[in-house]
Amino acid sequence: MDTSHAVVTTSCDICSSRLPVILNRSTATSTLRTWALALKERLGFKRAAVALARKLAVIMHTMLKTGELFDPRAGAITAG
């Protein structure tokens, strides 16, 4: 039995259920959320949600491949 497909399906299900939270209800600041909110203003909710889902899928794939943990501040420009 191939379990890799089950993991991907579960991850996608989790992402799709969390997208409205990231785009609408979350108050946490991260570069990913800032990017998604700017995209939502330009393209609308549905297209931004699809773009965010794809970006999260790429991030999760890279995390599985490299073994790194998620860093919500990744990509942020630090002052100093």
C-alpha atoms as a PDB file:
ATOM      1  CA  MET A   1       0.000   0.000   0.000  1.00  0.00           C
ATOM      2  CA  ASP A   2       1.391   3.364  -1.055  1.00  0.00           C
ATOM      3  CA  THR A   3       1.022   5.781   1.861  1.00  0.00           C
ATOM      4  CA  SER A   4       2.647   8.799   0.185  1.00  0.00           C
ATOM      5  CA  HIS A   5      -0.619   9.646  -1.613  1.00  0.00           C
ATOM      6  CA  ALA A   6      -2.530   9.537   1.686  1.00  0.00           C
ATOM      7  CA  VAL A   7      -0.085  11.988   3.253  1.00  0.00           C
ATOM      8  CA  VAL A   8      -0.405  14.415   0.347  1.00  0.00           C
ATOM      9  CA  THR A   9      -4.205  14.188   0.394  1.00  0.00           C
ATOM     10  CA  THR A  10      -4.291  14.814   4.145  1.00  0.00           C
ATOM     11  CA  SER A  11      -1.904  17.750   3.822  1.00  0.00           C
ATOM     12  CA  CYS A  12      -3.996  19.286   1.033  1.00  0.00           C
ATOM     13  CA  ASP A  13      -7.167  18.825   3.072  1.00  0.00           C
ATOM     14  CA  ILE A  14      -5.531  20.573   6.015  1.00  0.00           C
ATOM     15  CA  CYS A  15      -4.341  23.438   3.798  1.00  0.00           C
ATOM     16  CA  SER A  16      -7.684  24.016   2.165  1.00  0.00           C
ATOM     17  CA  SER A  17      -9.483  24.115   5.500  1.00  0.00           C
ATOM     18  CA  ARG A  18      -6.921  26.567   6.936  1.00  0.00           C
ATOM     19  CA  LEU A  19      -6.793  29.013   4.018  1.00  0.00           C
ATOM     20  CA  PRO A  20      -9.777  31.138   5.093  1.00  0.00           C
ATOM     21  CA  VAL A  21      -8.267  31.351   8.579  1.00  0.00           C
ATOM     22  CA  ILE A  22      -4.937  32.602   7.246  1.00  0.00           C
ATOM     23  CA  LEU A  23      -6.581  35.094   4.897  1.00  0.00           C
ATOM     24  CA  ASN A  24      -9.415  36.306   7.145  1.00  0.00           C
ATOM     25  CA  ARG A  25      -9.256  35.455  10.849  1.00  0.00           C
ATOM     26  CA  SER A  26      -5.611  35.120  11.818  1.00  0.00           C
ATOM     27  CA  THR A  27      -3.996  38.032  13.625  1.00  0.00           C
ATOM     28  CA  ALA A  28      -0.485  36.560  13.646  1.00  0.00           C
ATOM     29  CA  THR A  29       1.971  38.441  11.470  1.00  0.00           C
ATOM     30  CA  SER A  30       4.134  36.480   9.076  1.00  0.00           C
ATOM     31  CA  THR A  31       5.630  37.149   5.675  1.00  0.00           C
ATOM     32  CA  LEU A  32       3.396  34.442   4.220  1.00  0.00           C
ATOM     33  CA  ARG A  33       0.221  36.066   5.572  1.00  0.00           C
ATOM     34  CA  THR A  34       1.337  39.536   4.473  1.00  0.00           C
ATOM     35  CA  TRP A  35       1.992  38.198   0.963  1.00  0.00           C
ATOM     36  CA  ALA A  36      -1.393  36.427   0.859  1.00  0.00           C
ATOM     37  CA  LEU A  37      -3.320  39.494   2.051  1.00  0.00           C
ATOM     38  CA  ALA A  38      -1.672  41.704  -0.587  1.00  0.00           C
ATOM     39  CA  LEU A  39      -2.558  39.111  -3.215  1.00  0.00           C
ATOM     40  CA  LYS A  40      -6.148  38.974  -1.916  1.00  0.00           C
ATOM     41  CA  GLU A  41      -6.492  42.731  -2.389  1.00  0.00           C
ATOM     42  CA  ARG A  42      -5.157  42.554  -5.958  1.00  0.00           C
ATOM     43  CA  LEU A  43      -6.741  39.335  -7.249  1.00  0.00           C
ATOM     44  CA  GLY A  44      -9.650  38.514  -4.938  1.00  0.00           C
ATOM     45  CA  PHE A  45     -10.144  35.856  -2.292  1.00  0.00           C
ATOM     46  CA  LYS A  46     -10.484  32.762  -4.472  1.00  0.00           C
ATOM     47  CA  ARG A  47      -7.382  33.339  -6.593  1.00  0.00           C
ATOM     48  CA  ALA A  48      -5.353  34.326  -3.537  1.00  0.00           C
ATOM     49  CA  ALA A  49      -6.507  31.160  -1.744  1.00  0.00           C
ATOM     50  CA  VAL A  50      -5.364  29.003  -4.679  1.00  0.00           C
ATOM     51  CA  ALA A  51      -2.000  30.783  -4.802  1.00  0.00           C
ATOM     52  CA  LEU A  52      -1.588  30.380  -1.042  1.00  0.00           C
ATOM     53  CA  ALA A  53      -2.490  26.683  -1.238  1.00  0.00           C
ATOM     54  CA  ARG A  54       0.148  26.147  -3.909  1.00  0.00           C
ATOM     55  CA  LYS A  55       2.763  28.086  -1.963  1.00  0.00           C
ATOM     56  CA  LEU A  56       2.000  26.062   1.182  1.00  0.00           C
ATOM     57  CA  ALA A  57       2.245  22.814  -0.808  1.00  0.00           C
ATOM     58  CA  VAL A  58       5.675  23.834  -2.121  1.00  0.00           C
ATOM     59  CA  ILE A  59       6.791  24.790   1.392  1.00  0.00           C
ATOM     60  CA  MET A  60       5.570  21.455   2.822  1.00  0.00           C
ATOM     61  CA  HIS A  61       7.259  19.508   0.028  1.00  0.00           C
ATOM     62  CA  THR A  62      10.547  21.304   0.695  1.00  0.00           C
ATOM     63  CA  MET A  63      10.204  20.695   4.440  1.00  0.00           C
ATOM     64  CA  LEU A  64       9.667  16.972   3.865  1.00  0.00           C
ATOM     65  CA  LYS A  65      12.572  16.813   1.438  1.00  0.00           C
ATOM     66  CA  THR A  66      15.080  18.721   3.595  1.00  0.00           C
ATOM     67  CA  GLY A  67      13.818  17.944   7.099  1.00  0.00           C
ATOM     68  CA  GLU A  68      13.659  21.625   8.016  1.00  0.00           C
ATOM     69  CA  LEU A  69      11.036  23.068  10.343  1.00  0.00           C
ATOM     70  CA  PHE A  70       8.661  25.851   9.274  1.00  0.00           C
ATOM     71  CA  ASP A  71       9.887  29.359  10.037  1.00  0.00           C
ATOM     72  CA  PRO A  72       7.041  31.901   9.831  1.00  0.00           C
ATOM     73  CA  ARG A  73       9.574  34.737   9.619  1.00  0.00           C
ATOM     74  CA  ALA A  74      11.452  33.263   6.657  1.00  0.00           C
ATOM     75  CA  GLY A  75      11.918  35.778   3.910  1.00  0.00           C
ATOM     76  CA  ALA A  76      11.448  38.733   6.255  1.00  0.00           C
ATOM     77  CA  ILE A  77      13.859  41.633   5.968  1.00  0.00           C
ATOM     78  CA  THR A  78      15.358  42.378   9.364  1.00  0.00           C
ATOM     79  CA  ALA A  79      16.176  45.912  10.426  1.00  0.00           C
ATOM     80  CA  GLY A  80      19.685  46.634  11.470  1.00  0.00           C
END
